[in-house]
Amino acid sequence: MTDQVFDWMAAANKKAKGKRPEYFDDPEDERMLSILMAVVGEVSVLRERMDTVERLLDAKGTISRDDIESYTPDKEAAYERGAMIREYIYRVMRGPHQMVEELQQAEPPVEEVSKELKEI
């Protein structure tokens, strides 16, 4: 074991290897998506931590920071957390998901559109 202290800030700000995926034409939109997803991740972590605090308070009545840091959810708690996070992510991504669904809806064949235009 080393005596070096791990630098969390340096690790968190480290640039990922490889090219970033691009979803939008505008780089500003890409940056906003990146910021939004970082905030979504942080809120997700806070929700899990709050769940830990609530479960420990229910079980013990009083807790310490050490209790929170050393908590490991049992199978049922892990399942409930997984469901909670999936529901949260679905709510956050509902708008983009609906946009993708709209794009995937089958468009009428060209012949049908042509026929409708002729009838106008």
N, C-alpha and C. Protein backbone atom coordinates (compact mmCIF):
# COMPACT_ATOMS: atom_id res chain seq x y z
N MET A 1 0.85 -1.18 0.00
CA MET A 1 0.00 0.00 0.00
C MET A 1 0.89 1.24 0.00
N THR A 2 0.48 2.27 -0.76
CA THR A 2 1.28 3.48 -0.85
C THR A 2 0.77 4.53 0.10
N ASP A 3 1.63 5.51 0.39
CA ASP A 3 1.24 6.63 1.25
C ASP A 3 0.65 7.78 0.45
N GLN A 4 0.60 7.63 -0.88
CA GLN A 4 0.05 8.68 -1.72
C GLN A 4 -1.45 8.80 -1.51
N VAL A 5 -1.92 10.04 -1.49
CA VAL A 5 -3.35 10.30 -1.37
C VAL A 5 -3.94 10.37 -2.78
N PHE A 6 -5.02 9.67 -2.99
CA PHE A 6 -5.66 9.67 -4.31
C PHE A 6 -6.29 11.04 -4.56
N ASP A 7 -6.03 11.63 -5.71
CA ASP A 7 -6.56 12.94 -6.06
C ASP A 7 -7.87 12.77 -6.84
N TRP A 8 -8.96 12.83 -6.13
CA TRP A 8 -10.28 12.64 -6.72
C TRP A 8 -10.61 13.70 -7.76
N MET A 9 -10.22 14.95 -7.50
CA MET A 9 -10.50 16.02 -8.45
C MET A 9 -9.78 15.78 -9.78
N ALA A 10 -8.53 15.37 -9.71
CA ALA A 10 -7.78 15.10 -10.93
C ALA A 10 -8.42 13.93 -11.69
N ALA A 11 -8.83 12.91 -10.97
CA ALA A 11 -9.45 11.75 -11.61
C ALA A 11 -10.79 12.12 -12.25
N ALA A 12 -11.58 12.94 -11.56
CA ALA A 12 -12.89 13.33 -12.08
C ALA A 12 -12.77 14.22 -13.31
N ASN A 13 -11.70 15.00 -13.39
CA ASN A 13 -11.53 15.93 -14.51
C ASN A 13 -10.65 15.39 -15.62
N LYS A 14 -10.25 14.14 -15.51
CA LYS A 14 -9.40 13.52 -16.52
C LYS A 14 -10.17 13.35 -17.82
N LYS A 15 -9.53 13.67 -18.92
CA LYS A 15 -10.17 13.54 -20.23
C LYS A 15 -10.24 12.08 -20.64
N ALA A 16 -11.40 11.67 -21.14
CA ALA A 16 -11.58 10.29 -21.60
C ALA A 16 -10.77 10.05 -22.86
N LYS A 17 -10.35 8.82 -23.04
CA LYS A 17 -9.60 8.45 -24.24
C LYS A 17 -10.56 8.30 -25.41
N GLY A 18 -10.07 8.60 -26.60
CA GLY A 18 -10.88 8.41 -27.80
C GLY A 18 -11.75 9.62 -28.10
N LYS A 19 -12.44 9.53 -29.23
CA LYS A 19 -13.30 10.63 -29.68
C LYS A 19 -14.65 10.54 -28.97
N ARG A 20 -15.14 11.70 -28.56
CA ARG A 20 -16.46 11.74 -27.93
C ARG A 20 -17.54 11.48 -28.96
N PRO A 21 -18.59 10.76 -28.59
CA PRO A 21 -19.70 10.59 -29.54
C PRO A 21 -20.39 11.93 -29.77
N GLU A 22 -20.87 12.15 -30.97
CA GLU A 22 -21.59 13.38 -31.29
C GLU A 22 -23.03 13.03 -31.63
N TYR A 23 -23.95 13.74 -30.99
CA TYR A 23 -25.37 13.50 -31.21
C TYR A 23 -26.04 14.65 -31.92
N PHE A 24 -25.43 15.84 -31.84
CA PHE A 24 -26.03 17.05 -32.39
C PHE A 24 -25.06 17.72 -33.36
N ASP A 25 -25.61 18.55 -34.23
CA ASP A 25 -24.77 19.30 -35.16
C ASP A 25 -24.06 20.46 -34.47
N ASP A 26 -24.70 21.03 -33.46
CA ASP A 26 -24.15 22.20 -32.78
C ASP A 26 -23.33 21.78 -31.56
N PRO A 27 -22.05 22.18 -31.50
CA PRO A 27 -21.21 21.82 -30.34
C PRO A 27 -21.77 22.33 -29.01
N GLU A 28 -22.49 23.44 -29.03
CA GLU A 28 -23.09 23.96 -27.79
C GLU A 28 -24.15 22.98 -27.27
N ASP A 29 -24.90 22.38 -28.17
CA ASP A 29 -25.89 21.37 -27.75
C ASP A 29 -25.19 20.17 -27.13
N GLU A 30 -24.05 19.79 -27.70
CA GLU A 30 -23.26 18.68 -27.15
C GLU A 30 -22.81 19.01 -25.73
N ARG A 31 -22.34 20.24 -25.52
CA ARG A 31 -21.88 20.64 -24.18
C ARG A 31 -23.04 20.65 -23.19
N MET A 32 -24.20 21.13 -23.64
CA MET A 32 -25.36 21.15 -22.74
C MET A 32 -25.78 19.73 -22.37
N LEU A 33 -25.75 18.82 -23.34
CA LEU A 33 -26.08 17.43 -23.04
C LEU A 33 -25.10 16.86 -22.04
N SER A 34 -23.81 17.16 -22.23
CA SER A 34 -22.79 16.67 -21.32
C SER A 34 -23.03 17.19 -19.90
N ILE A 35 -23.34 18.47 -19.78
CA ILE A 35 -23.62 19.06 -18.47
C ILE A 35 -24.86 18.42 -17.86
N LEU A 36 -25.91 18.29 -18.65
CA LEU A 36 -27.15 17.69 -18.15
C LEU A 36 -26.92 16.27 -17.65
N MET A 37 -26.19 15.47 -18.40
CA MET A 37 -25.97 14.09 -17.99
C MET A 37 -25.09 14.01 -16.74
N ALA A 38 -24.16 14.96 -16.58
CA ALA A 38 -23.35 15.00 -15.36
C ALA A 38 -24.25 15.31 -14.16
N VAL A 39 -25.16 16.25 -14.32
CA VAL A 39 -26.09 16.59 -13.23
C VAL A 39 -27.01 15.41 -12.93
N VAL A 40 -27.49 14.73 -13.96
CA VAL A 40 -28.34 13.55 -13.77
C VAL A 40 -27.58 12.50 -12.96
N GLY A 41 -26.32 12.29 -13.28
CA GLY A 41 -25.51 11.34 -12.52
C GLY A 41 -25.34 11.73 -11.07
N GLU A 42 -25.09 13.01 -10.83
CA GLU A 42 -24.93 13.49 -9.45
C GLU A 42 -26.23 13.34 -8.66
N VAL A 43 -27.36 13.67 -9.27
CA VAL A 43 -28.65 13.52 -8.59
C VAL A 43 -28.92 12.05 -8.28
N SER A 44 -28.54 11.19 -9.20
CA SER A 44 -28.71 9.75 -8.99
C SER A 44 -27.92 9.29 -7.77
N VAL A 45 -26.69 9.75 -7.65
CA VAL A 45 -25.86 9.41 -6.49
C VAL A 45 -26.48 9.95 -5.21
N LEU A 46 -26.99 11.17 -5.26
CA LEU A 46 -27.64 11.76 -4.08
C LEU A 46 -28.87 10.97 -3.66
N ARG A 47 -29.64 10.51 -4.65
CA ARG A 47 -30.83 9.70 -4.34
C ARG A 47 -30.44 8.41 -3.63
N GLU A 48 -29.37 7.76 -4.11
CA GLU A 48 -28.91 6.53 -3.45
C GLU A 48 -28.41 6.81 -2.04
N ARG A 49 -27.70 7.90 -1.89
CA ARG A 49 -27.18 8.25 -0.56
C ARG A 49 -28.33 8.57 0.40
N MET A 50 -29.34 9.27 -0.09
CA MET A 50 -30.50 9.57 0.74
C MET A 50 -31.23 8.27 1.12
N ASP A 51 -31.31 7.35 0.19
CA ASP A 51 -31.91 6.05 0.48
C ASP A 51 -31.14 5.35 1.59
N THR A 52 -29.82 5.43 1.53
CA THR A 52 -28.98 4.84 2.58
C THR A 52 -29.29 5.47 3.93
N VAL A 53 -29.34 6.79 3.97
CA VAL A 53 -29.62 7.50 5.22
C VAL A 53 -30.98 7.09 5.77
N GLU A 54 -31.98 7.06 4.91
CA GLU A 54 -33.34 6.69 5.36
C GLU A 54 -33.37 5.26 5.91
N ARG A 55 -32.74 4.33 5.21
CA ARG A 55 -32.75 2.94 5.66
C ARG A 55 -32.01 2.78 6.99
N LEU A 56 -30.88 3.47 7.12
CA LEU A 56 -30.13 3.38 8.38
C LEU A 56 -30.90 4.02 9.53
N LEU A 57 -31.55 5.13 9.28
CA LEU A 57 -32.34 5.77 10.34
C LEU A 57 -33.49 4.87 10.76
N ASP A 58 -34.15 4.23 9.78
CA ASP A 58 -35.23 3.29 10.11
C ASP A 58 -34.70 2.14 10.98
N ALA A 59 -33.52 1.65 10.64
CA ALA A 59 -32.98 0.49 11.34
C ALA A 59 -32.37 0.83 12.70
N LYS A 60 -31.70 1.98 12.78
CA LYS A 60 -30.92 2.29 13.98
C LYS A 60 -31.42 3.49 14.78
N GLY A 61 -32.16 4.37 14.14
CA GLY A 61 -32.65 5.56 14.85
C GLY A 61 -31.66 6.71 14.83
N THR A 62 -30.39 6.41 14.82
CA THR A 62 -29.35 7.43 14.74
C THR A 62 -28.19 6.85 13.94
N ILE A 63 -27.49 7.69 13.22
CA ILE A 63 -26.42 7.19 12.36
C ILE A 63 -25.21 8.12 12.39
N SER A 64 -24.10 7.57 11.96
CA SER A 64 -22.87 8.36 11.83
C SER A 64 -22.47 8.37 10.35
N ARG A 65 -21.55 9.24 10.03
CA ARG A 65 -21.03 9.29 8.66
C ARG A 65 -20.39 7.94 8.30
N ASP A 66 -19.76 7.32 9.28
CA ASP A 66 -19.14 6.01 9.06
C ASP A 66 -20.19 4.96 8.69
N ASP A 67 -21.36 5.03 9.34
CA ASP A 67 -22.45 4.11 9.00
C ASP A 67 -22.85 4.27 7.54
N ILE A 68 -22.94 5.51 7.09
CA ILE A 68 -23.34 5.79 5.71
C ILE A 68 -22.28 5.27 4.74
N GLU A 69 -21.02 5.57 5.02
CA GLU A 69 -19.94 5.18 4.12
C GLU A 69 -19.76 3.66 4.04
N SER A 70 -20.07 2.95 5.11
CA SER A 70 -19.84 1.50 5.11
C SER A 70 -21.10 0.70 4.79
N TYR A 71 -22.22 1.36 4.51
CA TYR A 71 -23.48 0.67 4.23
C TYR A 71 -23.39 -0.08 2.90
N THR A 72 -23.88 -1.31 2.92
CA THR A 72 -24.03 -2.11 1.72
C THR A 72 -25.47 -2.59 1.68
N PRO A 73 -26.21 -2.25 0.63
CA PRO A 73 -27.62 -2.66 0.58
C PRO A 73 -27.76 -4.18 0.45
N ASP A 74 -28.80 -4.70 1.09
CA ASP A 74 -29.09 -6.12 0.92
C ASP A 74 -29.76 -6.32 -0.45
N LYS A 75 -30.10 -7.55 -0.77
CA LYS A 75 -30.65 -7.87 -2.08
C LYS A 75 -31.93 -7.09 -2.37
N GLU A 76 -32.83 -7.02 -1.40
CA GLU A 76 -34.10 -6.32 -1.59
C GLU A 76 -33.87 -4.81 -1.79
N ALA A 77 -33.00 -4.22 -0.96
CA ALA A 77 -32.71 -2.79 -1.08
C ALA A 77 -32.05 -2.50 -2.42
N ALA A 78 -31.14 -3.37 -2.86
CA ALA A 78 -30.47 -3.18 -4.14
C ALA A 78 -31.48 -3.24 -5.29
N TYR A 79 -32.43 -4.16 -5.20
CA TYR A 79 -33.47 -4.27 -6.22
C TYR A 79 -34.32 -3.00 -6.25
N GLU A 80 -34.74 -2.54 -5.07
CA GLU A 80 -35.55 -1.32 -4.99
C GLU A 80 -34.79 -0.12 -5.54
N ARG A 81 -33.52 -0.03 -5.22
CA ARG A 81 -32.70 1.08 -5.74
C ARG A 81 -32.58 1.01 -7.26
N GLY A 82 -32.38 -0.18 -7.77
CA GLY A 82 -32.29 -0.35 -9.22
C GLY A 82 -33.56 0.12 -9.91
N ALA A 83 -34.70 -0.26 -9.35
CA ALA A 83 -35.98 0.17 -9.91
C ALA A 83 -36.13 1.70 -9.81
N MET A 84 -35.73 2.26 -8.68
CA MET A 84 -35.82 3.71 -8.47
C MET A 84 -34.97 4.44 -9.51
N ILE A 85 -33.76 3.98 -9.74
CA ILE A 85 -32.86 4.63 -10.69
C ILE A 85 -33.37 4.46 -12.12
N ARG A 86 -33.87 3.27 -12.46
CA ARG A 86 -34.42 3.07 -13.81
C ARG A 86 -35.60 4.01 -14.06
N GLU A 87 -36.49 4.16 -13.09
CA GLU A 87 -37.62 5.07 -13.23
C GLU A 87 -37.15 6.51 -13.39
N TYR A 88 -36.15 6.89 -12.61
CA TYR A 88 -35.60 8.24 -12.68
C TYR A 88 -35.00 8.51 -14.06
N ILE A 89 -34.17 7.61 -14.54
CA ILE A 89 -33.54 7.78 -15.85
C ILE A 89 -34.60 7.82 -16.94
N TYR A 90 -35.62 6.99 -16.83
CA TYR A 90 -36.69 7.01 -17.83
C TYR A 90 -37.39 8.36 -17.84
N ARG A 91 -37.65 8.92 -16.67
CA ARG A 91 -38.31 10.24 -16.62
C ARG A 91 -37.42 11.30 -17.24
N VAL A 92 -36.12 11.26 -16.95
CA VAL A 92 -35.19 12.25 -17.50
C VAL A 92 -35.12 12.11 -19.02
N MET A 93 -35.10 10.89 -19.51
CA MET A 93 -34.90 10.65 -20.94
C MET A 93 -36.22 10.50 -21.71
N ARG A 94 -37.35 10.75 -21.07
CA ARG A 94 -38.65 10.57 -21.72
C ARG A 94 -38.77 11.42 -22.99
N GLY A 95 -38.37 12.69 -22.93
CA GLY A 95 -38.48 13.57 -24.09
C GLY A 95 -37.66 13.08 -25.27
N PRO A 96 -36.35 12.84 -25.08
CA PRO A 96 -35.57 12.32 -26.21
C PRO A 96 -36.08 10.96 -26.70
N HIS A 97 -36.52 10.11 -25.79
CA HIS A 97 -37.04 8.80 -26.18
C HIS A 97 -38.28 8.96 -27.06
N GLN A 98 -39.17 9.88 -26.71
CA GLN A 98 -40.37 10.11 -27.51
C GLN A 98 -40.01 10.66 -28.89
N MET A 99 -38.98 11.50 -28.94
CA MET A 99 -38.54 12.03 -30.24
C MET A 99 -38.03 10.90 -31.13
N VAL A 100 -37.27 9.97 -30.57
CA VAL A 100 -36.76 8.84 -31.34
C VAL A 100 -37.92 7.98 -31.82
N GLU A 101 -38.90 7.75 -30.95
CA GLU A 101 -40.06 6.96 -31.36
C GLU A 101 -40.80 7.61 -32.52
N GLU A 102 -40.95 8.93 -32.47
CA GLU A 102 -41.62 9.64 -33.55
C GLU A 102 -40.85 9.47 -34.86
N LEU A 103 -39.52 9.52 -34.79
CA LEU A 103 -38.71 9.36 -35.99
C LEU A 103 -38.80 7.95 -36.55
N GLN A 104 -39.05 6.98 -35.68
CA GLN A 104 -39.09 5.58 -36.11
C GLN A 104 -40.46 5.16 -36.63
N GLN A 105 -41.47 6.01 -36.44
CA GLN A 105 -42.80 5.66 -36.93
C GLN A 105 -42.75 5.55 -38.44
N ALA A 106 -43.39 4.53 -38.94
CA ALA A 106 -43.38 4.29 -40.38
C ALA A 106 -44.09 5.42 -41.11
N GLU A 107 -43.43 5.94 -42.12
CA GLU A 107 -44.04 6.97 -42.94
C GLU A 107 -44.81 6.27 -44.05
N PRO A 108 -45.86 6.93 -44.55
CA PRO A 108 -46.63 6.30 -45.63
C PRO A 108 -45.78 6.15 -46.89
N PRO A 109 -46.06 5.15 -47.67
CA PRO A 109 -45.30 4.96 -48.90
C PRO A 109 -45.43 6.19 -49.82
N VAL A 110 -44.43 6.40 -50.65
CA VAL A 110 -44.41 7.55 -51.56
C VAL A 110 -45.64 7.52 -52.48
N GLU A 111 -46.03 6.34 -52.91
CA GLU A 111 -47.18 6.22 -53.80
C GLU A 111 -48.44 6.78 -53.14
N GLU A 112 -48.61 6.48 -51.85
CA GLU A 112 -49.79 6.95 -51.12
C GLU A 112 -49.76 8.48 -50.99
N VAL A 113 -48.62 9.03 -50.69
CA VAL A 113 -48.48 10.49 -50.57
C VAL A 113 -48.75 11.13 -51.92
N SER A 114 -48.20 10.53 -52.99
CA SER A 114 -48.41 11.05 -54.34
C SER A 114 -49.89 11.05 -54.70
N LYS A 115 -50.58 9.99 -54.36
CA LYS A 115 -52.01 9.88 -54.65
C LYS A 115 -52.79 10.96 -53.91
N GLU A 116 -52.44 11.19 -52.63
CA GLU A 116 -53.11 12.23 -51.83
C GLU A 116 -52.87 13.61 -52.43
N LEU A 117 -51.65 13.84 -52.90
CA LEU A 117 -51.33 15.15 -53.50
C LEU A 117 -52.10 15.38 -54.79
N LYS A 118 -52.30 14.34 -55.56
CA LYS A 118 -53.05 14.46 -56.81
C LYS A 118 -54.51 14.80 -56.56
N GLU A 119 -55.03 14.34 -55.41
CA GLU A 119 -56.43 14.57 -55.08
C GLU A 119 -56.69 15.96 -54.54
N ILE A 120 -55.65 16.69 -54.24
CA ILE A 120 -55.82 18.03 -53.65
C ILE A 120 -56.24 19.01 -54.70
